[in-house]
Amino acid sequence: MISARIHITLKSGILDPQGKTVLHALENLGIQGVDEVRIGKLIDMDFGEVTKDRAEELTHEACKKLLANPVIEDYRIELVSEDGG
């Protein structure tokens, strides 16, 4: 079995209101020294009987069509097969 882990983050320069809220909450809790917080998404997908190349192709297609907004978000994919490769 092949799994894909997708990391989706806002592009550099895009305002992250959730990150700002978390940063202010940390400061209010007395946690000092954090300069910036950026919030993203982590999505795991499992594939059945497909090749690693096909899993990568399907994952990119899912990101481009649904999971990530290419105007404001970047994504990074990690593929792992059951045998660890």
PDB file of N, CA and C in Angstrom:
ATOM      1  N   MET A   1       0.853  -1.183   0.000  1.00  0.00           N
ATOM      2  CA  MET A   1       0.000   0.000   0.000  1.00  0.00           C
ATOM      3  C   MET A   1       0.891   1.234   0.000  1.00  0.00           C
ATOM      4  N   ILE A   2       0.415   2.251  -0.643  1.00  0.00           N
ATOM      5  CA  ILE A   2       1.134   3.528  -0.717  1.00  0.00           C
ATOM      6  C   ILE A   2       0.311   4.582  -0.007  1.00  0.00           C
ATOM      7  N   SER A   3       1.007   5.433   0.745  1.00  0.00           N
ATOM      8  CA  SER A   3       0.364   6.542   1.440  1.00  0.00           C
ATOM      9  C   SER A   3       0.983   7.849   0.972  1.00  0.00           C
ATOM     10  N   ALA A   4       0.163   8.871   0.940  1.00  0.00           N
ATOM     11  CA  ALA A   4       0.638  10.218   0.627  1.00  0.00           C
ATOM     12  C   ALA A   4       0.337  11.114   1.814  1.00  0.00           C
ATOM     13  N   ARG A   5       1.318  11.872   2.214  1.00  0.00           N
ATOM     14  CA  ARG A   5       1.136  12.892   3.244  1.00  0.00           C
ATOM     15  C   ARG A   5       1.315  14.229   2.540  1.00  0.00           C
ATOM     16  N   ILE A   6       0.277  15.066   2.644  1.00  0.00           N
ATOM     17  CA  ILE A   6       0.265  16.348   1.939  1.00  0.00           C
ATOM     18  C   ILE A   6       0.318  17.470   2.968  1.00  0.00           C
ATOM     19  N   HIS A   7       1.320  18.329   2.823  1.00  0.00           N
ATOM     20  CA  HIS A   7       1.469  19.506   3.683  1.00  0.00           C
ATOM     21  C   HIS A   7       1.044  20.724   2.868  1.00  0.00           C
ATOM     22  N   ILE A   8       0.016  21.425   3.337  1.00  0.00           N
ATOM     23  CA  ILE A   8      -0.484  22.600   2.632  1.00  0.00           C
ATOM     24  C   ILE A   8      -0.269  23.818   3.517  1.00  0.00           C
ATOM     25  N   THR A   9       0.397  24.823   2.967  1.00  0.00           N
ATOM     26  CA  THR A   9       0.682  26.043   3.720  1.00  0.00           C
ATOM     27  C   THR A   9       0.355  27.256   2.862  1.00  0.00           C
ATOM     28  N   LEU A  10       0.088  28.358   3.533  1.00  0.00           N
ATOM     29  CA  LEU A  10      -0.121  29.606   2.805  1.00  0.00           C
ATOM     30  C   LEU A  10       1.194  30.046   2.175  1.00  0.00           C
ATOM     31  N   LYS A  11       1.110  30.613   0.993  1.00  0.00           N
ATOM     32  CA  LYS A  11       2.308  31.125   0.330  1.00  0.00           C
ATOM     33  C   LYS A  11       2.903  32.262   1.154  1.00  0.00           C
ATOM     34  N   SER A  12       4.187  32.414   1.016  1.00  0.00           N
ATOM     35  CA  SER A  12       4.884  33.508   1.681  1.00  0.00           C
ATOM     36  C   SER A  12       4.257  34.828   1.246  1.00  0.00           C
ATOM     37  N   GLY A  13       4.025  35.710   2.186  1.00  0.00           N
ATOM     38  CA  GLY A  13       3.436  37.008   1.887  1.00  0.00           C
ATOM     39  C   GLY A  13       1.927  37.053   2.009  1.00  0.00           C
ATOM     40  N   ILE A  14       1.278  35.896   2.153  1.00  0.00           N
ATOM     41  CA  ILE A  14      -0.173  35.848   2.333  1.00  0.00           C
ATOM     42  C   ILE A  14      -0.480  35.976   3.816  1.00  0.00           C
ATOM     43  N   LEU A  15      -1.355  36.905   4.164  1.00  0.00           N
ATOM     44  CA  LEU A  15      -1.738  37.112   5.557  1.00  0.00           C
ATOM     45  C   LEU A  15      -2.352  35.843   6.133  1.00  0.00           C
ATOM     46  N   ASP A  16      -1.916  35.487   7.347  1.00  0.00           N
ATOM     47  CA  ASP A  16      -2.406  34.287   8.025  1.00  0.00           C
ATOM     48  C   ASP A  16      -3.113  34.701   9.316  1.00  0.00           C
ATOM     49  N   PRO A  17      -4.414  35.028   9.243  1.00  0.00           N
ATOM     50  CA  PRO A  17      -5.119  35.485  10.439  1.00  0.00           C
ATOM     51  C   PRO A  17      -5.170  34.440  11.553  1.00  0.00           C
ATOM     52  N   GLN A  18      -5.256  33.154  11.209  1.00  0.00           N
ATOM     53  CA  GLN A  18      -5.241  32.117  12.243  1.00  0.00           C
ATOM     54  C   GLN A  18      -3.890  32.102  12.949  1.00  0.00           C
ATOM     55  N   GLY A  19      -2.841  32.217  12.186  1.00  0.00           N
ATOM     56  CA  GLY A  19      -1.504  32.252  12.772  1.00  0.00           C
ATOM     57  C   GLY A  19      -1.332  33.440  13.713  1.00  0.00           C
ATOM     58  N   LYS A  20      -1.833  34.602  13.294  1.00  0.00           N
ATOM     59  CA  LYS A  20      -1.758  35.800  14.153  1.00  0.00           C
ATOM     60  C   LYS A  20      -2.534  35.585  15.443  1.00  0.00           C
ATOM     61  N   THR A  21      -3.710  34.972  15.352  1.00  0.00           N
ATOM     62  CA  THR A  21      -4.522  34.707  16.540  1.00  0.00           C
ATOM     63  C   THR A  21      -3.786  33.788  17.505  1.00  0.00           C
ATOM     64  N   VAL A  22      -3.171  32.737  16.962  1.00  0.00           N
ATOM     65  CA  VAL A  22      -2.418  31.810  17.810  1.00  0.00           C
ATOM     66  C   VAL A  22      -1.211  32.510  18.422  1.00  0.00           C
ATOM     67  N   LEU A  23      -0.532  33.340  17.656  1.00  0.00           N
ATOM     68  CA  LEU A  23       0.618  34.081  18.185  1.00  0.00           C
ATOM     69  C   LEU A  23       0.201  34.957  19.357  1.00  0.00           C
ATOM     70  N   HIS A  24      -0.903  35.685  19.222  1.00  0.00           N
ATOM     71  CA  HIS A  24      -1.382  36.541  20.313  1.00  0.00           C
ATOM     72  C   HIS A  24      -1.799  35.704  21.521  1.00  0.00           C
ATOM     73  N   ALA A  25      -2.417  34.557  21.280  1.00  0.00           N
ATOM     74  CA  ALA A  25      -2.809  33.673  22.394  1.00  0.00           C
ATOM     75  C   ALA A  25      -1.574  33.167  23.136  1.00  0.00           C
ATOM     76  N   LEU A  26      -0.542  32.803  22.391  1.00  0.00           N
ATOM     77  CA  LEU A  26       0.695  32.351  23.038  1.00  0.00           C
ATOM     78  C   LEU A  26       1.293  33.455  23.907  1.00  0.00           C
ATOM     79  N   GLU A  27       1.309  34.668  23.365  1.00  0.00           N
ATOM     80  CA  GLU A  27       1.827  35.812  24.130  1.00  0.00           C
ATOM     81  C   GLU A  27       1.005  36.034  25.384  1.00  0.00           C
ATOM     82  N   ASN A  28      -0.320  35.933  25.275  1.00  0.00           N
ATOM     83  CA  ASN A  28      -1.199  36.106  26.433  1.00  0.00           C
ATOM     84  C   ASN A  28      -0.996  35.015  27.482  1.00  0.00           C
ATOM     85  N   LEU A  29      -0.540  33.853  27.047  1.00  0.00           N
ATOM     86  CA  LEU A  29      -0.252  32.761  27.975  1.00  0.00           C
ATOM     87  C   LEU A  29       1.156  32.849  28.565  1.00  0.00           C
ATOM     88  N   GLY A  30       1.874  33.889  28.177  1.00  0.00           N
ATOM     89  CA  GLY A  30       3.210  34.089  28.712  1.00  0.00           C
ATOM     90  C   GLY A  30       4.300  33.359  27.941  1.00  0.00           C
ATOM     91  N   ILE A  31       3.959  32.828  26.799  1.00  0.00           N
ATOM     92  CA  ILE A  31       4.957  32.138  25.977  1.00  0.00           C
ATOM     93  C   ILE A  31       5.591  33.181  25.070  1.00  0.00           C
ATOM     94  N   GLN A  32       6.805  33.572  25.403  1.00  0.00           N
ATOM     95  CA  GLN A  32       7.505  34.647  24.710  1.00  0.00           C
ATOM     96  C   GLN A  32       8.585  34.093  23.785  1.00  0.00           C
ATOM     97  N   GLY A  33       8.993  34.894  22.830  1.00  0.00           N
ATOM     98  CA  GLY A  33      10.088  34.526  21.945  1.00  0.00           C
ATOM     99  C   GLY A  33       9.646  33.943  20.611  1.00  0.00           C
ATOM    100  N   VAL A  34       8.355  33.770  20.418  1.00  0.00           N
ATOM    101  CA  VAL A  34       7.850  33.274  19.133  1.00  0.00           C
ATOM    102  C   VAL A  34       7.620  34.485  18.241  1.00  0.00           C
ATOM    103  N   ASP A  35       8.270  34.505  17.096  1.00  0.00           N
ATOM    104  CA  ASP A  35       8.159  35.649  16.188  1.00  0.00           C
ATOM    105  C   ASP A  35       6.962  35.548  15.247  1.00  0.00           C
ATOM    106  N   GLU A  36       6.671  34.343  14.808  1.00  0.00           N
ATOM    107  CA  GLU A  36       5.590  34.179  13.828  1.00  0.00           C
ATOM    108  C   GLU A  36       5.002  32.777  13.946  1.00  0.00           C
ATOM    109  N   VAL A  37       3.707  32.674  13.702  1.00  0.00           N
ATOM    110  CA  VAL A  37       3.023  31.384  13.642  1.00  0.00           C
ATOM    111  C   VAL A  37       2.280  31.328  12.315  1.00  0.00           C
ATOM    112  N   ARG A  38       2.460  30.238  11.585  1.00  0.00           N
ATOM    113  CA  ARG A  38       1.749  30.019  10.332  1.00  0.00           C
ATOM    114  C   ARG A  38       0.955  28.726  10.498  1.00  0.00           C
ATOM    115  N   ILE A  39      -0.295  28.760  10.118  1.00  0.00           N
ATOM    116  CA  ILE A  39      -1.174  27.608  10.244  1.00  0.00           C
ATOM    117  C   ILE A  39      -1.320  26.957   8.862  1.00  0.00           C
ATOM    118  N   GLY A  40      -1.270  25.645   8.826  1.00  0.00           N
ATOM    119  CA  GLY A  40      -1.426  24.916   7.571  1.00  0.00           C
ATOM    120  C   GLY A  40      -2.335  23.723   7.765  1.00  0.00           C
ATOM    121  N   LYS A  41      -2.350  22.869   6.751  1.00  0.00           N
ATOM    122  CA  LYS A  41      -3.168  21.657   6.789  1.00  0.00           C
ATOM    123  C   LYS A  41      -2.265  20.460   6.516  1.00  0.00           C
ATOM    124  N   LEU A  42      -2.604  19.356   7.141  1.00  0.00           N
ATOM    125  CA  LEU A  42      -1.929  18.090   6.884  1.00  0.00           C
ATOM    126  C   LEU A  42      -2.991  17.078   6.484  1.00  0.00           C
ATOM    127  N   ILE A  43      -2.820  16.480   5.324  1.00  0.00           N
ATOM    128  CA  ILE A  43      -3.789  15.518   4.810  1.00  0.00           C
ATOM    129  C   ILE A  43      -3.064  14.220   4.494  1.00  0.00           C
ATOM    130  N   ASP A  44      -3.585  13.106   4.991  1.00  0.00           N
ATOM    131  CA  ASP A  44      -3.053  11.785   4.677  1.00  0.00           C
ATOM    132  C   ASP A  44      -4.022  11.074   3.744  1.00  0.00           C
ATOM    133  N   MET A  45      -3.481  10.468   2.702  1.00  0.00           N
ATOM    134  CA  MET A  45      -4.289   9.691   1.761  1.00  0.00           C
ATOM    135  C   MET A  45      -3.638   8.321   1.606  1.00  0.00           C
ATOM    136  N   ASP A  46      -4.450   7.273   1.620  1.00  0.00           N
ATOM    137  CA  ASP A  46      -3.967   5.917   1.394  1.00  0.00           C
ATOM    138  C   ASP A  46      -4.499   5.426   0.059  1.00  0.00           C
ATOM    139  N   PHE A  47      -3.646   4.701  -0.660  1.00  0.00           N
ATOM    140  CA  PHE A  47      -4.008   4.163  -1.961  1.00  0.00           C
ATOM    141  C   PHE A  47      -3.963   2.643  -1.907  1.00  0.00           C
ATOM    142  N   GLY A  48      -4.811   2.024  -2.684  1.00  0.00           N
ATOM    143  CA  GLY A  48      -4.833   0.566  -2.757  1.00  0.00           C
ATOM    144  C   GLY A  48      -3.780   0.066  -3.726  1.00  0.00           C
ATOM    145  N   GLU A  49      -4.226  -0.637  -4.709  1.00  0.00           N
ATOM    146  CA  GLU A  49      -3.333  -1.284  -5.667  1.00  0.00           C
ATOM    147  C   GLU A  49      -2.963  -0.351  -6.818  1.00  0.00           C
ATOM    148  N   VAL A  50      -2.155   0.654  -6.529  1.00  0.00           N
ATOM    149  CA  VAL A  50      -1.644   1.530  -7.587  1.00  0.00           C
ATOM    150  C   VAL A  50      -0.133   1.627  -7.434  1.00  0.00           C
ATOM    151  N   THR A  51       0.528   2.004  -8.508  1.00  0.00           N
ATOM    152  CA  THR A  51       1.974   2.188  -8.445  1.00  0.00           C
ATOM    153  C   THR A  51       2.289   3.486  -7.707  1.00  0.00           C
ATOM    154  N   LYS A  52       3.531   3.617  -7.297  1.00  0.00           N
ATOM    155  CA  LYS A  52       3.954   4.841  -6.619  1.00  0.00           C
ATOM    156  C   LYS A  52       3.801   6.052  -7.551  1.00  0.00           C
ATOM    157  N   ASP A  53       4.142   5.864  -8.820  1.00  0.00           N
ATOM    158  CA  ASP A  53       3.996   6.955  -9.795  1.00  0.00           C
ATOM    159  C   ASP A  53       2.536   7.370  -9.946  1.00  0.00           C
ATOM    160  N   ARG A  54       1.640   6.392  -9.983  1.00  0.00           N
ATOM    161  CA  ARG A  54       0.211   6.703 -10.118  1.00  0.00           C
ATOM    162  C   ARG A  54      -0.314   7.384  -8.856  1.00  0.00           C
ATOM    163  N   ALA A  55       0.137   6.938  -7.696  1.00  0.00           N
ATOM    164  CA  ALA A  55      -0.271   7.574  -6.439  1.00  0.00           C
ATOM    165  C   ALA A  55       0.171   9.036  -6.421  1.00  0.00           C
ATOM    166  N   GLU A  56       1.383   9.291  -6.893  1.00  0.00           N
ATOM    167  CA  GLU A  56       1.879  10.674  -6.941  1.00  0.00           C
ATOM    168  C   GLU A  56       1.043  11.507  -7.907  1.00  0.00           C
ATOM    169  N   GLU A  57       0.729  10.931  -9.049  1.00  0.00           N
ATOM    170  CA  GLU A  57      -0.094  11.616 -10.048  1.00  0.00           C
ATOM    171  C   GLU A  57      -1.477  11.951  -9.480  1.00  0.00           C
ATOM    172  N   LEU A  58      -2.100  10.978  -8.834  1.00  0.00           N
ATOM    173  CA  LEU A  58      -3.424  11.193  -8.241  1.00  0.00           C
ATOM    174  C   LEU A  58      -3.381  12.243  -7.129  1.00  0.00           C
ATOM    175  N   THR A  59      -2.322  12.219  -6.351  1.00  0.00           N
ATOM    176  CA  THR A  59      -2.192  13.180  -5.251  1.00  0.00           C
ATOM    177  C   THR A  59      -2.049  14.600  -5.784  1.00  0.00           C
ATOM    178  N   HIS A  60      -1.204  14.774  -6.802  1.00  0.00           N
ATOM    179  CA  HIS A  60      -1.062  16.108  -7.407  1.00  0.00           C
ATOM    180  C   HIS A  60      -2.393  16.576  -8.001  1.00  0.00           C
ATOM    181  N   GLU A  61      -3.092  15.676  -8.657  1.00  0.00           N
ATOM    182  CA  GLU A  61      -4.389  16.037  -9.235  1.00  0.00           C
ATOM    183  C   GLU A  61      -5.383  16.466  -8.158  1.00  0.00           C
ATOM    184  N   ALA A  62      -5.419  15.723  -7.048  1.00  0.00           N
ATOM    185  CA  ALA A  62      -6.319  16.064  -5.940  1.00  0.00           C
ATOM    186  C   ALA A  62      -5.967  17.425  -5.349  1.00  0.00           C
ATOM    187  N   CYS A  63      -4.670  17.688  -5.225  1.00  0.00           N
ATOM    188  CA  CYS A  63      -4.248  18.984  -4.677  1.00  0.00           C
ATOM    189  C   CYS A  63      -4.635  20.133  -5.590  1.00  0.00           C
ATOM    190  N   LYS A  64      -4.387  19.961  -6.866  1.00  0.00           N
ATOM    191  CA  LYS A  64      -4.676  21.024  -7.835  1.00  0.00           C
ATOM    192  C   LYS A  64      -6.167  21.280  -8.007  1.00  0.00           C
ATOM    193  N   LYS A  65      -6.974  20.219  -7.917  1.00  0.00           N
ATOM    194  CA  LYS A  65      -8.410  20.365  -8.176  1.00  0.00           C
ATOM    195  C   LYS A  65      -9.244  20.622  -6.932  1.00  0.00           C
ATOM    196  N   LEU A  66      -8.735  20.234  -5.749  1.00  0.00           N
ATOM    197  CA  LEU A  66      -9.593  20.323  -4.576  1.00  0.00           C
ATOM    198  C   LEU A  66      -8.880  20.722  -3.291  1.00  0.00           C
ATOM    199  N   LEU A  67      -7.778  20.097  -2.987  1.00  0.00           N
ATOM    200  CA  LEU A  67      -7.209  20.212  -1.643  1.00  0.00           C
ATOM    201  C   LEU A  67      -6.471  21.521  -1.372  1.00  0.00           C
ATOM    202  N   ALA A  68      -5.829  22.077  -2.377  1.00  0.00           N
ATOM    203  CA  ALA A  68      -5.055  23.307  -2.191  1.00  0.00           C
ATOM    204  C   ALA A  68      -5.551  24.387  -3.150  1.00  0.00           C
ATOM    205  N   ASN A  69      -5.532  25.607  -2.675  1.00  0.00           N
ATOM    206  CA  ASN A  69      -5.869  26.754  -3.522  1.00  0.00           C
ATOM    207  C   ASN A  69      -4.559  27.282  -4.101  1.00  0.00           C
ATOM    208  N   PRO A  70      -4.276  27.049  -5.379  1.00  0.00           N
ATOM    209  CA  PRO A  70      -2.978  27.414  -5.943  1.00  0.00           C
ATOM    210  C   PRO A  70      -2.693  28.911  -5.962  1.00  0.00           C
ATOM    211  N   VAL A  71      -3.704  29.725  -5.776  1.00  0.00           N
ATOM    212  CA  VAL A  71      -3.503  31.177  -5.764  1.00  0.00           C
ATOM    213  C   VAL A  71      -2.817  31.605  -4.465  1.00  0.00           C
ATOM    214  N   ILE A  72      -3.192  30.981  -3.349  1.00  0.00           N
ATOM    215  CA  ILE A  72      -2.666  31.427  -2.047  1.00  0.00           C
ATOM    216  C   ILE A  72      -1.925  30.348  -1.265  1.00  0.00           C
ATOM    217  N   GLU A  73      -1.958  29.093  -1.756  1.00  0.00           N
ATOM    218  CA  GLU A  73      -1.344  28.012  -0.993  1.00  0.00           C
ATOM    219  C   GLU A  73      -0.300  27.245  -1.806  1.00  0.00           C
ATOM    220  N   ASP A  74       0.703  26.750  -1.104  1.00  0.00           N
ATOM    221  CA  ASP A  74       1.676  25.817  -1.652  1.00  0.00           C
ATOM    222  C   ASP A  74       1.412  24.461  -1.021  1.00  0.00           C
ATOM    223  N   TYR A  75       1.828  23.409  -1.695  1.00  0.00           N
ATOM    224  CA  TYR A  75       1.717  22.082  -1.093  1.00  0.00           C
ATOM    225  C   TYR A  75       2.979  21.281  -1.374  1.00  0.00           C
ATOM    226  N   ARG A  76       3.220  20.341  -0.476  1.00  0.00           N
ATOM    227  CA  ARG A  76       4.365  19.446  -0.586  1.00  0.00           C
ATOM    228  C   ARG A  76       3.867  18.043  -0.291  1.00  0.00           C
ATOM    229  N   ILE A  77       4.304  17.088  -1.077  1.00  0.00           N
ATOM    230  CA  ILE A  77       3.845  15.707  -0.960  1.00  0.00           C
ATOM    231  C   ILE A  77       4.980  14.807  -0.521  1.00  0.00           C
ATOM    232  N   GLU A  78       4.678  13.907   0.422  1.00  0.00           N
ATOM    233  CA  GLU A  78       5.589  12.827   0.800  1.00  0.00           C
ATOM    234  C   GLU A  78       4.867  11.521   0.498  1.00  0.00           C
ATOM    235  N   LEU A  79       5.483  10.671  -0.319  1.00  0.00           N
ATOM    236  CA  LEU A  79       4.912   9.353  -0.624  1.00  0.00           C
ATOM    237  C   LEU A  79       5.697   8.286   0.123  1.00  0.00           C
ATOM    238  N   VAL A  80       4.972   7.346   0.709  1.00  0.00           N
ATOM    239  CA  VAL A  80       5.605   6.246   1.421  1.00  0.00           C
ATOM    240  C   VAL A  80       4.908   4.963   1.014  1.00  0.00           C
ATOM    241  N   SER A  81       5.674   3.970   0.625  1.00  0.00           N
ATOM    242  CA  SER A  81       5.088   2.676   0.324  1.00  0.00           C
ATOM    243  C   SER A  81       5.180   1.779   1.551  1.00  0.00           C
ATOM    244  N   GLU A  82       4.344   0.752   1.598  1.00  0.00           N
ATOM    245  CA  GLU A  82       4.267  -0.133   2.746  1.00  0.00           C
ATOM    246  C   GLU A  82       5.627  -0.755   3.055  1.00  0.00           C
ATOM    247  N   ASP A  83       6.435  -0.969   2.023  1.00  0.00           N
ATOM    248  CA  ASP A  83       7.747  -1.555   2.248  1.00  0.00           C
ATOM    249  C   ASP A  83       8.780  -0.523   2.700  1.00  0.00           C
ATOM    250  N   GLY A  84       8.303   0.744   2.920  1.00  0.00           N
ATOM    251  CA  GLY A  84       9.182   1.798   3.431  1.00  0.00           C
ATOM    252  C   GLY A  84       9.869   2.605   2.355  1.00  0.00           C
ATOM    253  N   GLY A  85       9.658   2.301   1.099  1.00  0.00           N
ATOM    254  CA  GLY A  85      10.340   2.978   0.009  1.00  0.00           C
ATOM    255  C   GLY A  85       9.607   4.100  -0.599  1.00  0.00           C
TER     256      GLY A  85
END
